[in-house]
N, C-alpha and C. Protein backbone atom coordinates (compact mmCIF):
# COMPACT_ATOMS: atom_id res chain seq x y z
N MET A 1 22.88 -10.06 -19.01
CA MET A 1 22.23 -9.34 -17.92
C MET A 1 23.15 -9.24 -16.72
N ILE A 2 23.91 -10.31 -16.45
CA ILE A 2 24.85 -10.28 -15.33
C ILE A 2 25.93 -9.24 -15.59
N GLN A 3 26.37 -9.17 -16.85
CA GLN A 3 27.38 -8.17 -17.20
C GLN A 3 26.82 -6.76 -17.01
N TYR A 4 25.56 -6.57 -17.35
CA TYR A 4 24.93 -5.25 -17.16
C TYR A 4 24.90 -4.89 -15.68
N LEU A 5 24.57 -5.86 -14.83
CA LEU A 5 24.53 -5.60 -13.39
C LEU A 5 25.92 -5.23 -12.86
N ARG A 6 26.93 -5.90 -13.37
CA ARG A 6 28.29 -5.59 -12.92
C ARG A 6 28.70 -4.18 -13.33
N ASN A 7 28.33 -3.80 -14.54
CA ASN A 7 28.75 -2.49 -15.05
C ASN A 7 27.89 -1.34 -14.50
N ASN A 8 26.69 -1.66 -14.04
CA ASN A 8 25.76 -0.60 -13.62
C ASN A 8 25.21 -0.87 -12.22
N SER A 9 25.99 -1.51 -11.38
CA SER A 9 25.51 -1.90 -10.06
C SER A 9 25.08 -0.70 -9.23
N GLU A 10 25.80 0.41 -9.33
CA GLU A 10 25.46 1.59 -8.53
C GLU A 10 24.12 2.19 -9.00
N ILE A 11 23.92 2.25 -10.30
CA ILE A 11 22.66 2.79 -10.84
C ILE A 11 21.49 1.92 -10.41
N VAL A 12 21.65 0.60 -10.52
CA VAL A 12 20.58 -0.33 -10.15
C VAL A 12 20.29 -0.24 -8.65
N TRP A 13 21.35 -0.15 -7.83
CA TRP A 13 21.17 -0.08 -6.39
C TRP A 13 20.43 1.19 -5.98
N LEU A 14 20.78 2.31 -6.58
CA LEU A 14 20.10 3.57 -6.29
C LEU A 14 18.63 3.53 -6.73
N ALA A 15 18.38 2.91 -7.89
CA ALA A 15 17.01 2.78 -8.38
C ALA A 15 16.19 1.89 -7.44
N LEU A 16 16.82 0.83 -6.93
CA LEU A 16 16.13 -0.07 -6.01
C LEU A 16 15.80 0.64 -4.69
N GLN A 17 16.75 1.43 -4.19
CA GLN A 17 16.50 2.18 -2.96
C GLN A 17 15.35 3.17 -3.13
N GLU A 18 15.37 3.88 -4.27
CA GLU A 18 14.30 4.84 -4.53
C GLU A 18 12.95 4.13 -4.66
N HIS A 19 12.96 2.98 -5.29
CA HIS A 19 11.73 2.21 -5.47
C HIS A 19 11.16 1.80 -4.11
N LEU A 20 12.01 1.33 -3.23
CA LEU A 20 11.56 0.92 -1.90
C LEU A 20 10.96 2.10 -1.14
N TYR A 21 11.65 3.24 -1.19
CA TYR A 21 11.17 4.42 -0.49
C TYR A 21 9.82 4.88 -1.03
N LEU A 22 9.70 4.97 -2.35
CA LEU A 22 8.47 5.47 -2.96
C LEU A 22 7.30 4.50 -2.81
N ALA A 23 7.58 3.22 -2.68
CA ALA A 23 6.51 2.23 -2.57
C ALA A 23 6.06 2.01 -1.13
N LEU A 24 7.02 1.95 -0.19
CA LEU A 24 6.68 1.54 1.17
C LEU A 24 6.27 2.70 2.07
N LEU A 25 6.81 3.90 1.83
CA LEU A 25 6.38 5.04 2.64
C LEU A 25 4.88 5.30 2.49
N PRO A 26 4.32 5.30 1.27
CA PRO A 26 2.86 5.47 1.15
C PRO A 26 2.06 4.36 1.83
N VAL A 27 2.62 3.15 1.88
CA VAL A 27 1.92 2.06 2.57
C VAL A 27 1.79 2.38 4.06
N LEU A 28 2.88 2.85 4.66
CA LEU A 28 2.86 3.19 6.08
C LEU A 28 1.90 4.35 6.35
N LEU A 29 2.00 5.39 5.51
CA LEU A 29 1.12 6.55 5.69
C LEU A 29 -0.35 6.15 5.46
N GLY A 30 -0.59 5.40 4.40
CA GLY A 30 -1.95 4.99 4.08
C GLY A 30 -2.55 4.10 5.16
N PHE A 31 -1.74 3.22 5.72
CA PHE A 31 -2.23 2.33 6.78
C PHE A 31 -2.62 3.15 8.01
N ALA A 32 -1.78 4.14 8.37
CA ALA A 32 -2.07 4.98 9.53
C ALA A 32 -3.35 5.80 9.32
N ILE A 33 -3.59 6.26 8.10
CA ILE A 33 -4.79 7.06 7.80
C ILE A 33 -6.02 6.17 7.71
N SER A 34 -5.85 4.96 7.20
CA SER A 34 -6.99 4.07 6.96
C SER A 34 -7.62 3.55 8.24
N LEU A 35 -6.82 3.34 9.28
CA LEU A 35 -7.36 2.79 10.53
C LEU A 35 -8.47 3.67 11.11
N PRO A 36 -8.22 4.97 11.33
CA PRO A 36 -9.33 5.79 11.87
C PRO A 36 -10.49 5.96 10.89
N LEU A 37 -10.19 6.04 9.59
CA LEU A 37 -11.26 6.18 8.61
C LEU A 37 -12.14 4.93 8.58
N GLY A 38 -11.52 3.77 8.59
CA GLY A 38 -12.29 2.53 8.61
C GLY A 38 -13.12 2.39 9.88
N TYR A 39 -12.54 2.82 10.99
CA TYR A 39 -13.29 2.76 12.25
C TYR A 39 -14.49 3.70 12.21
N LEU A 40 -14.29 4.90 11.68
CA LEU A 40 -15.40 5.85 11.59
C LEU A 40 -16.54 5.30 10.73
N ALA A 41 -16.17 4.59 9.65
CA ALA A 41 -17.19 4.02 8.77
C ALA A 41 -18.01 2.95 9.48
N VAL A 42 -17.40 2.30 10.48
CA VAL A 42 -18.12 1.28 11.25
C VAL A 42 -18.86 1.92 12.43
N ARG A 43 -18.21 2.87 13.06
CA ARG A 43 -18.79 3.53 14.23
C ARG A 43 -20.04 4.32 13.85
N PHE A 44 -20.00 4.94 12.68
CA PHE A 44 -21.15 5.71 12.20
C PHE A 44 -21.60 5.11 10.87
N PRO A 45 -22.53 4.17 10.88
CA PRO A 45 -22.94 3.44 9.67
C PRO A 45 -23.34 4.32 8.50
N ARG A 46 -23.86 5.52 8.78
CA ARG A 46 -24.26 6.40 7.68
C ARG A 46 -23.06 6.85 6.85
N LEU A 47 -21.86 6.79 7.44
CA LEU A 47 -20.67 7.22 6.72
C LEU A 47 -20.09 6.10 5.85
N TYR A 48 -20.52 4.87 6.08
CA TYR A 48 -19.88 3.74 5.41
C TYR A 48 -19.94 3.86 3.89
N HIS A 49 -21.12 3.95 3.34
CA HIS A 49 -21.26 3.98 1.88
C HIS A 49 -20.66 5.24 1.25
N PRO A 50 -20.88 6.46 1.82
CA PRO A 50 -20.22 7.63 1.24
C PRO A 50 -18.70 7.52 1.22
N LEU A 51 -18.12 7.04 2.33
CA LEU A 51 -16.65 6.91 2.38
C LEU A 51 -16.16 5.87 1.39
N ILE A 52 -16.78 4.71 1.38
CA ILE A 52 -16.34 3.62 0.51
C ILE A 52 -16.50 4.02 -0.96
N ASN A 53 -17.60 4.66 -1.30
CA ASN A 53 -17.80 5.09 -2.69
C ASN A 53 -16.78 6.14 -3.10
N THR A 54 -16.47 7.06 -2.18
CA THR A 54 -15.46 8.08 -2.47
C THR A 54 -14.11 7.44 -2.73
N PHE A 55 -13.73 6.49 -1.89
CA PHE A 55 -12.45 5.82 -2.07
C PHE A 55 -12.42 5.01 -3.36
N GLY A 56 -13.56 4.43 -3.72
CA GLY A 56 -13.63 3.70 -4.98
C GLY A 56 -13.38 4.60 -6.17
N VAL A 57 -13.95 5.81 -6.12
CA VAL A 57 -13.73 6.78 -7.20
C VAL A 57 -12.26 7.19 -7.26
N LEU A 58 -11.65 7.43 -6.10
CA LEU A 58 -10.25 7.84 -6.06
C LEU A 58 -9.34 6.76 -6.65
N TYR A 59 -9.66 5.49 -6.32
CA TYR A 59 -8.79 4.41 -6.82
C TYR A 59 -8.95 4.21 -8.32
N SER A 60 -10.07 4.67 -8.88
CA SER A 60 -10.29 4.49 -10.31
C SER A 60 -9.55 5.54 -11.15
N ILE A 61 -8.99 6.57 -10.51
CA ILE A 61 -8.25 7.60 -11.26
C ILE A 61 -6.97 6.98 -11.81
N PRO A 62 -6.69 7.11 -13.10
CA PRO A 62 -5.44 6.57 -13.66
C PRO A 62 -4.22 7.15 -12.95
N SER A 63 -3.26 6.31 -12.64
CA SER A 63 -2.10 6.75 -11.87
C SER A 63 -1.30 7.84 -12.57
N LEU A 64 -1.10 7.72 -13.88
CA LEU A 64 -0.32 8.72 -14.61
C LEU A 64 -1.01 10.08 -14.56
N ALA A 65 -2.34 10.08 -14.70
CA ALA A 65 -3.08 11.34 -14.64
C ALA A 65 -2.94 11.98 -13.26
N LEU A 66 -2.97 11.15 -12.22
CA LEU A 66 -2.83 11.67 -10.87
C LEU A 66 -1.43 12.22 -10.64
N PHE A 67 -0.41 11.53 -11.15
CA PHE A 67 0.97 12.01 -11.01
C PHE A 67 1.15 13.38 -11.67
N VAL A 68 0.49 13.58 -12.79
CA VAL A 68 0.62 14.84 -13.53
C VAL A 68 -0.20 15.95 -12.87
N PHE A 69 -1.36 15.59 -12.29
CA PHE A 69 -2.26 16.60 -11.73
C PHE A 69 -1.80 17.09 -10.36
N LEU A 70 -1.18 16.23 -9.57
CA LEU A 70 -0.83 16.59 -8.20
C LEU A 70 0.10 17.80 -8.10
N PRO A 71 1.11 17.96 -8.98
CA PRO A 71 1.95 19.17 -8.87
C PRO A 71 1.14 20.46 -8.96
N VAL A 72 0.09 20.45 -9.78
CA VAL A 72 -0.78 21.63 -9.89
C VAL A 72 -1.55 21.84 -8.59
N LEU A 73 -2.02 20.75 -8.01
CA LEU A 73 -2.83 20.83 -6.79
C LEU A 73 -1.98 21.16 -5.57
N LEU A 74 -0.78 20.55 -5.48
CA LEU A 74 0.05 20.72 -4.29
C LEU A 74 1.05 21.86 -4.40
N GLY A 75 1.28 22.33 -5.62
CA GLY A 75 2.27 23.38 -5.81
C GLY A 75 3.70 22.86 -5.78
N THR A 76 3.87 21.56 -6.00
CA THR A 76 5.20 20.97 -6.00
C THR A 76 5.76 20.94 -7.43
N LYS A 77 7.04 20.62 -7.54
CA LYS A 77 7.66 20.50 -8.85
C LYS A 77 7.22 19.19 -9.50
N VAL A 78 7.23 19.16 -10.80
CA VAL A 78 6.79 17.97 -11.53
C VAL A 78 7.65 16.76 -11.17
N LEU A 79 8.95 16.99 -10.96
CA LEU A 79 9.86 15.89 -10.67
C LEU A 79 10.03 15.63 -9.18
N SER A 80 9.16 16.20 -8.35
CA SER A 80 9.28 15.99 -6.91
C SER A 80 8.76 14.60 -6.52
N PRO A 81 9.52 13.85 -5.72
CA PRO A 81 9.02 12.55 -5.25
C PRO A 81 7.76 12.65 -4.41
N VAL A 82 7.50 13.85 -3.88
CA VAL A 82 6.29 14.05 -3.05
C VAL A 82 5.04 13.68 -3.84
N ASN A 83 5.04 13.96 -5.14
CA ASN A 83 3.87 13.65 -5.97
C ASN A 83 3.57 12.16 -5.98
N ILE A 84 4.63 11.36 -6.11
CA ILE A 84 4.45 9.91 -6.13
C ILE A 84 3.98 9.42 -4.76
N VAL A 85 4.60 9.94 -3.70
CA VAL A 85 4.23 9.50 -2.35
C VAL A 85 2.77 9.84 -2.05
N VAL A 86 2.34 11.05 -2.38
CA VAL A 86 0.96 11.45 -2.12
C VAL A 86 -0.01 10.61 -2.95
N ALA A 87 0.30 10.42 -4.23
CA ALA A 87 -0.59 9.64 -5.09
C ALA A 87 -0.75 8.21 -4.59
N LEU A 88 0.35 7.57 -4.23
CA LEU A 88 0.28 6.18 -3.78
C LEU A 88 -0.34 6.08 -2.39
N THR A 89 -0.20 7.13 -1.59
CA THR A 89 -0.88 7.15 -0.30
C THR A 89 -2.39 7.19 -0.50
N ILE A 90 -2.83 7.97 -1.47
CA ILE A 90 -4.27 8.03 -1.80
C ILE A 90 -4.77 6.65 -2.23
N TYR A 91 -4.01 5.98 -3.11
CA TYR A 91 -4.42 4.65 -3.55
C TYR A 91 -4.43 3.66 -2.38
N THR A 92 -3.44 3.77 -1.49
CA THR A 92 -3.38 2.86 -0.34
C THR A 92 -4.58 3.06 0.57
N VAL A 93 -4.92 4.32 0.85
CA VAL A 93 -6.09 4.61 1.68
C VAL A 93 -7.36 4.10 1.01
N ALA A 94 -7.44 4.30 -0.30
CA ALA A 94 -8.63 3.84 -1.03
C ALA A 94 -8.81 2.33 -0.92
N LEU A 95 -7.71 1.59 -0.88
CA LEU A 95 -7.78 0.14 -0.74
C LEU A 95 -8.02 -0.29 0.70
N LEU A 96 -7.27 0.32 1.63
CA LEU A 96 -7.26 -0.18 3.00
C LEU A 96 -8.43 0.29 3.85
N ALA A 97 -8.96 1.48 3.57
CA ALA A 97 -10.05 1.98 4.41
C ALA A 97 -11.24 1.02 4.37
N ARG A 98 -11.57 0.54 3.17
CA ARG A 98 -12.68 -0.41 3.07
C ARG A 98 -12.32 -1.73 3.74
N THR A 99 -11.07 -2.16 3.59
CA THR A 99 -10.65 -3.41 4.22
C THR A 99 -10.75 -3.33 5.73
N VAL A 100 -10.29 -2.21 6.29
CA VAL A 100 -10.38 -2.02 7.74
C VAL A 100 -11.84 -2.03 8.18
N ALA A 101 -12.68 -1.29 7.46
CA ALA A 101 -14.10 -1.24 7.81
C ALA A 101 -14.75 -2.62 7.73
N ASP A 102 -14.46 -3.34 6.67
CA ASP A 102 -15.07 -4.67 6.50
C ASP A 102 -14.55 -5.64 7.56
N GLY A 103 -13.25 -5.52 7.90
CA GLY A 103 -12.70 -6.37 8.95
C GLY A 103 -13.36 -6.13 10.29
N LEU A 104 -13.59 -4.86 10.63
CA LEU A 104 -14.24 -4.53 11.90
C LEU A 104 -15.71 -4.91 11.89
N ARG A 105 -16.36 -4.77 10.74
CA ARG A 105 -17.78 -5.13 10.65
C ARG A 105 -17.97 -6.65 10.76
N ALA A 106 -16.93 -7.40 10.44
CA ALA A 106 -17.04 -8.85 10.48
C ALA A 106 -16.90 -9.42 11.88
N VAL A 107 -16.49 -8.59 12.84
CA VAL A 107 -16.35 -9.07 14.22
C VAL A 107 -17.73 -9.44 14.76
N ASP A 108 -17.83 -10.61 15.33
CA ASP A 108 -19.11 -11.11 15.84
C ASP A 108 -19.66 -10.15 16.91
N PRO A 109 -20.89 -9.68 16.75
CA PRO A 109 -21.48 -8.78 17.76
C PRO A 109 -21.52 -9.39 19.16
N VAL A 110 -21.62 -10.71 19.22
CA VAL A 110 -21.64 -11.38 20.53
C VAL A 110 -20.31 -11.15 21.25
N VAL A 111 -19.20 -11.18 20.49
CA VAL A 111 -17.89 -10.94 21.09
C VAL A 111 -17.80 -9.52 21.62
N ILE A 112 -18.32 -8.56 20.86
CA ILE A 112 -18.30 -7.16 21.28
C ILE A 112 -19.14 -6.98 22.54
N GLN A 113 -20.31 -7.61 22.55
CA GLN A 113 -21.17 -7.50 23.73
C GLN A 113 -20.51 -8.13 24.96
N ALA A 114 -19.82 -9.25 24.75
CA ALA A 114 -19.14 -9.90 25.87
C ALA A 114 -18.02 -9.02 26.42
N ALA A 115 -17.27 -8.38 25.52
CA ALA A 115 -16.20 -7.49 25.96
C ALA A 115 -16.77 -6.29 26.72
N THR A 116 -17.88 -5.76 26.24
CA THR A 116 -18.52 -4.64 26.92
C THR A 116 -19.01 -5.06 28.30
N ALA A 117 -19.56 -6.25 28.39
CA ALA A 117 -20.05 -6.76 29.68
C ALA A 117 -18.91 -6.97 30.67
N MET A 118 -17.71 -7.23 30.15
CA MET A 118 -16.55 -7.44 31.02
C MET A 118 -15.92 -6.11 31.45
N GLY A 119 -16.48 -5.00 30.99
CA GLY A 119 -15.99 -3.70 31.43
C GLY A 119 -15.07 -3.00 30.46
N TYR A 120 -14.93 -3.53 29.26
CA TYR A 120 -14.07 -2.89 28.26
C TYR A 120 -14.75 -1.61 27.75
N ARG A 121 -14.06 -0.49 27.86
CA ARG A 121 -14.57 0.73 27.25
C ARG A 121 -14.27 0.71 25.76
N ARG A 122 -14.84 1.68 25.02
CA ARG A 122 -14.81 1.63 23.56
C ARG A 122 -13.38 1.53 23.01
N LEU A 123 -12.47 2.39 23.48
CA LEU A 123 -11.11 2.40 22.93
C LEU A 123 -10.38 1.12 23.25
N ARG A 124 -10.48 0.67 24.49
CA ARG A 124 -9.80 -0.56 24.88
C ARG A 124 -10.40 -1.76 24.15
N ARG A 125 -11.72 -1.76 23.99
CA ARG A 125 -12.37 -2.85 23.26
C ARG A 125 -11.90 -2.89 21.81
N LEU A 126 -11.73 -1.70 21.23
CA LEU A 126 -11.26 -1.63 19.85
C LEU A 126 -9.86 -2.20 19.71
N THR A 127 -8.94 -1.77 20.57
CA THR A 127 -7.54 -2.17 20.45
C THR A 127 -7.28 -3.59 20.94
N ALA A 128 -8.03 -4.03 21.94
CA ALA A 128 -7.75 -5.34 22.55
C ALA A 128 -8.61 -6.47 22.01
N VAL A 129 -9.75 -6.13 21.41
CA VAL A 129 -10.67 -7.18 20.96
C VAL A 129 -10.94 -7.09 19.46
N GLU A 130 -11.48 -5.95 19.02
CA GLU A 130 -11.97 -5.85 17.64
C GLU A 130 -10.82 -5.87 16.62
N LEU A 131 -9.80 -5.03 16.83
CA LEU A 131 -8.70 -4.99 15.86
C LEU A 131 -7.95 -6.33 15.76
N PRO A 132 -7.62 -6.99 16.87
CA PRO A 132 -6.96 -8.29 16.74
C PRO A 132 -7.78 -9.30 15.94
N ILE A 133 -9.10 -9.31 16.14
CA ILE A 133 -9.94 -10.24 15.40
C ILE A 133 -9.98 -9.87 13.92
N ALA A 134 -9.96 -8.56 13.64
CA ALA A 134 -10.03 -8.09 12.25
C ALA A 134 -8.69 -8.12 11.53
N LEU A 135 -7.60 -8.38 12.26
CA LEU A 135 -6.26 -8.30 11.66
C LEU A 135 -6.07 -9.16 10.42
N PRO A 136 -6.51 -10.42 10.39
CA PRO A 136 -6.31 -11.21 9.16
C PRO A 136 -6.89 -10.55 7.92
N VAL A 137 -8.09 -9.96 8.05
CA VAL A 137 -8.70 -9.27 6.91
C VAL A 137 -7.90 -8.02 6.55
N ILE A 138 -7.51 -7.25 7.58
CA ILE A 138 -6.78 -6.01 7.34
C ILE A 138 -5.43 -6.28 6.69
N LEU A 139 -4.72 -7.29 7.18
CA LEU A 139 -3.41 -7.60 6.63
C LEU A 139 -3.50 -8.18 5.22
N ALA A 140 -4.60 -8.86 4.92
CA ALA A 140 -4.80 -9.31 3.54
C ALA A 140 -4.90 -8.11 2.61
N GLY A 141 -5.63 -7.08 3.04
CA GLY A 141 -5.71 -5.86 2.24
C GLY A 141 -4.37 -5.15 2.16
N LEU A 142 -3.60 -5.20 3.25
CA LEU A 142 -2.28 -4.57 3.25
C LEU A 142 -1.35 -5.25 2.24
N ARG A 143 -1.47 -6.55 2.10
CA ARG A 143 -0.67 -7.27 1.11
C ARG A 143 -0.98 -6.78 -0.30
N VAL A 144 -2.27 -6.64 -0.59
CA VAL A 144 -2.68 -6.17 -1.91
C VAL A 144 -2.16 -4.76 -2.16
N ALA A 145 -2.30 -3.88 -1.16
CA ALA A 145 -1.87 -2.49 -1.31
C ALA A 145 -0.37 -2.40 -1.50
N THR A 146 0.39 -3.21 -0.79
CA THR A 146 1.85 -3.17 -0.89
C THR A 146 2.32 -3.61 -2.26
N VAL A 147 1.81 -4.74 -2.72
CA VAL A 147 2.21 -5.24 -4.04
C VAL A 147 1.77 -4.28 -5.13
N SER A 148 0.58 -3.71 -4.98
CA SER A 148 0.08 -2.74 -5.96
C SER A 148 0.98 -1.51 -6.02
N ASN A 149 1.41 -1.00 -4.87
CA ASN A 149 2.28 0.17 -4.84
C ASN A 149 3.62 -0.12 -5.49
N ILE A 150 4.18 -1.29 -5.22
CA ILE A 150 5.46 -1.64 -5.82
C ILE A 150 5.36 -1.64 -7.34
N SER A 151 4.20 -2.06 -7.84
CA SER A 151 3.98 -2.05 -9.28
C SER A 151 3.76 -0.63 -9.81
N LEU A 152 2.97 0.18 -9.10
CA LEU A 152 2.60 1.51 -9.58
C LEU A 152 3.76 2.50 -9.55
N VAL A 153 4.73 2.28 -8.69
CA VAL A 153 5.88 3.20 -8.63
C VAL A 153 6.54 3.32 -10.00
N SER A 154 6.61 2.22 -10.72
CA SER A 154 7.29 2.22 -12.02
C SER A 154 6.63 3.17 -13.02
N VAL A 155 5.31 3.41 -12.85
CA VAL A 155 4.62 4.33 -13.76
C VAL A 155 5.20 5.74 -13.64
N GLY A 156 5.70 6.07 -12.46
CA GLY A 156 6.28 7.39 -12.25
C GLY A 156 7.49 7.67 -13.11
N SER A 157 8.09 6.62 -13.66
CA SER A 157 9.26 6.83 -14.51
C SER A 157 8.90 7.60 -15.78
N LEU A 158 7.63 7.57 -16.16
CA LEU A 158 7.18 8.31 -17.35
C LEU A 158 7.26 9.81 -17.15
N ILE A 159 7.31 10.27 -15.87
CA ILE A 159 7.48 11.69 -15.62
C ILE A 159 8.84 11.98 -14.99
N GLY A 160 9.74 10.99 -15.04
CA GLY A 160 11.11 11.20 -14.57
C GLY A 160 11.41 10.67 -13.19
N ILE A 161 10.42 10.05 -12.52
CA ILE A 161 10.64 9.48 -11.18
C ILE A 161 10.01 8.10 -11.19
N GLY A 162 10.69 7.13 -10.60
CA GLY A 162 10.05 5.83 -10.62
C GLY A 162 10.92 4.67 -10.23
N GLY A 163 12.05 4.91 -9.56
CA GLY A 163 12.85 3.81 -9.07
C GLY A 163 13.25 2.86 -10.19
N LEU A 164 12.87 1.61 -10.07
CA LEU A 164 13.24 0.61 -11.06
C LEU A 164 12.58 0.89 -12.41
N GLY A 165 11.51 1.66 -12.42
CA GLY A 165 10.88 2.01 -13.68
C GLY A 165 11.81 2.79 -14.60
N GLN A 166 12.79 3.47 -14.02
CA GLN A 166 13.75 4.21 -14.84
C GLN A 166 14.57 3.27 -15.71
N LEU A 167 14.77 2.04 -15.22
CA LEU A 167 15.48 1.05 -16.04
C LEU A 167 14.64 0.68 -17.26
N PHE A 168 13.32 0.64 -17.09
CA PHE A 168 12.45 0.35 -18.23
C PHE A 168 12.58 1.42 -19.31
N THR A 169 12.44 2.67 -18.88
CA THR A 169 12.49 3.77 -19.86
C THR A 169 13.86 3.85 -20.53
N ARG A 170 14.91 3.62 -19.75
CA ARG A 170 16.25 3.66 -20.34
C ARG A 170 16.41 2.55 -21.38
N GLY A 171 15.90 1.37 -21.05
CA GLY A 171 16.01 0.26 -21.99
C GLY A 171 15.22 0.51 -23.26
N PHE A 172 14.01 1.08 -23.14
CA PHE A 172 13.21 1.38 -24.33
C PHE A 172 13.85 2.47 -25.18
N GLN A 173 14.41 3.47 -24.52
CA GLN A 173 15.03 4.56 -25.26
C GLN A 173 16.26 4.11 -26.04
N LEU A 174 17.01 3.17 -25.45
CA LEU A 174 18.26 2.70 -26.08
C LEU A 174 18.07 1.40 -26.84
N PHE A 175 16.82 0.87 -26.87
CA PHE A 175 16.56 -0.43 -27.49
C PHE A 175 17.50 -1.50 -26.92
N TYR A 176 17.57 -1.49 -25.58
CA TYR A 176 18.51 -2.33 -24.84
C TYR A 176 17.71 -3.13 -23.82
N ILE A 177 17.62 -4.45 -23.99
CA ILE A 177 16.68 -5.25 -23.21
C ILE A 177 17.17 -5.56 -21.79
N GLU A 178 18.51 -5.52 -21.58
CA GLU A 178 19.04 -5.92 -20.27
C GLU A 178 18.48 -5.10 -19.11
N PRO A 179 18.49 -3.75 -19.17
CA PRO A 179 17.92 -3.01 -18.03
C PRO A 179 16.43 -3.27 -17.83
N ILE A 180 15.71 -3.55 -18.93
CA ILE A 180 14.28 -3.87 -18.79
C ILE A 180 14.10 -5.17 -18.02
N LEU A 181 14.90 -6.18 -18.36
CA LEU A 181 14.81 -7.46 -17.67
C LEU A 181 15.20 -7.33 -16.21
N VAL A 182 16.26 -6.56 -15.95
CA VAL A 182 16.69 -6.36 -14.56
C VAL A 182 15.59 -5.66 -13.76
N GLY A 183 14.97 -4.64 -14.35
CA GLY A 183 13.89 -3.92 -13.67
C GLY A 183 12.70 -4.81 -13.38
N ILE A 184 12.32 -5.64 -14.36
CA ILE A 184 11.17 -6.54 -14.18
C ILE A 184 11.45 -7.57 -13.09
N ILE A 185 12.62 -8.19 -13.17
CA ILE A 185 12.97 -9.24 -12.19
C ILE A 185 13.05 -8.68 -10.79
N LEU A 186 13.70 -7.53 -10.62
CA LEU A 186 13.82 -6.94 -9.29
C LEU A 186 12.46 -6.48 -8.76
N SER A 187 11.59 -5.97 -9.62
CA SER A 187 10.26 -5.55 -9.19
C SER A 187 9.45 -6.75 -8.70
N VAL A 188 9.51 -7.86 -9.44
CA VAL A 188 8.79 -9.07 -9.04
C VAL A 188 9.34 -9.63 -7.73
N LEU A 189 10.67 -9.67 -7.62
CA LEU A 189 11.29 -10.17 -6.39
C LEU A 189 10.94 -9.29 -5.20
N LEU A 190 10.95 -7.99 -5.42
CA LEU A 190 10.62 -7.05 -4.36
C LEU A 190 9.17 -7.23 -3.89
N ALA A 191 8.25 -7.37 -4.85
CA ALA A 191 6.85 -7.58 -4.50
C ALA A 191 6.66 -8.90 -3.75
N GLY A 192 7.32 -9.95 -4.23
CA GLY A 192 7.23 -11.25 -3.56
C GLY A 192 7.79 -11.22 -2.15
N LEU A 193 8.93 -10.53 -1.98
CA LEU A 193 9.55 -10.44 -0.66
C LEU A 193 8.68 -9.65 0.31
N ALA A 194 8.13 -8.54 -0.16
CA ALA A 194 7.26 -7.73 0.70
C ALA A 194 6.02 -8.53 1.11
N ASP A 195 5.44 -9.26 0.17
CA ASP A 195 4.26 -10.08 0.48
C ASP A 195 4.61 -11.15 1.50
N LEU A 196 5.76 -11.78 1.33
CA LEU A 196 6.19 -12.84 2.26
C LEU A 196 6.40 -12.28 3.66
N ILE A 197 6.98 -11.10 3.76
CA ILE A 197 7.22 -10.49 5.07
C ILE A 197 5.91 -10.23 5.79
N ILE A 198 4.92 -9.70 5.05
CA ILE A 198 3.62 -9.43 5.68
C ILE A 198 2.96 -10.74 6.12
N VAL A 199 3.08 -11.80 5.32
CA VAL A 199 2.51 -13.10 5.68
C VAL A 199 3.17 -13.61 6.97
N LEU A 200 4.50 -13.49 7.07
CA LEU A 200 5.20 -13.96 8.27
C LEU A 200 4.82 -13.13 9.49
N VAL A 201 4.67 -11.82 9.30
CA VAL A 201 4.23 -10.97 10.41
C VAL A 201 2.82 -11.37 10.86
N GLN A 202 1.96 -11.63 9.89
CA GLN A 202 0.59 -12.04 10.23
C GLN A 202 0.59 -13.35 11.01
N ARG A 203 1.41 -14.30 10.59
CA ARG A 203 1.48 -15.58 11.30
C ARG A 203 1.99 -15.39 12.72
N ALA A 204 2.91 -14.43 12.89
CA ALA A 204 3.50 -14.21 14.21
C ALA A 204 2.53 -13.54 15.17
N ILE A 205 1.71 -12.61 14.67
CA ILE A 205 0.85 -11.83 15.57
C ILE A 205 -0.58 -12.35 15.64
N THR A 206 -0.91 -13.35 14.81
CA THR A 206 -2.25 -13.95 14.89
C THR A 206 -2.12 -15.47 14.99
N PRO A 207 -1.51 -15.98 16.05
CA PRO A 207 -1.31 -17.43 16.16
C PRO A 207 -2.61 -18.21 16.24
N TRP A 208 -3.69 -17.56 16.69
CA TRP A 208 -4.98 -18.27 16.80
C TRP A 208 -5.54 -18.69 15.46
N THR A 209 -5.15 -17.99 14.38
CA THR A 209 -5.65 -18.37 13.06
C THR A 209 -5.02 -19.68 12.61
N ARG A 210 -3.77 -19.93 13.02
CA ARG A 210 -3.13 -21.20 12.67
C ARG A 210 -3.76 -22.34 13.45
N ALA A 211 -4.10 -22.06 14.68
CA ALA A 211 -4.75 -23.10 15.50
C ALA A 211 -6.11 -23.47 14.92
N ALA A 212 -6.81 -22.47 14.42
CA ALA A 212 -8.12 -22.75 13.81
C ALA A 212 -7.95 -23.57 12.56
């Protein structure tokens, strides 16, 4: 395996870069979309169940089927990375929107009433009180979404895009186990590193949870 890495370092490095791009960009986009959607589900209780049920249905769609269907829907090429980014963004939103909503719903109403009594308007109360309290729940969901995306990117290799997943397909096609092992190990290490980074960020921005 070490010899394979030496002989194919450029191929592996490019696959790793593509994997990072395809996995993490949807996380950022999905997180940005999920925050307002989750807030709306809490702000207007009648929207909670319709939104959550819709996202549940979206997340249940098989990833390969979604990768194949999106070019028809978006008018993109089959081998366009946009298909992977859009599909994984949908999955990220499906996971995080409910997490954001549940995190905000878990904030003690007494705390919200106290903030309102102190003169906090809705937007300031949301950003200064409710979101910080909900952050541990939200970041826990973000960890799941990130690791899930890193795993799902490899499925895209079945349609010609997929970062480290391309090492899997190449190994199966050539009956050569080294690229498969390299792809698996790097995918696991990447998922573990991403999870660790989010945990460290959470510890840094929510010091009160450690005190508790």
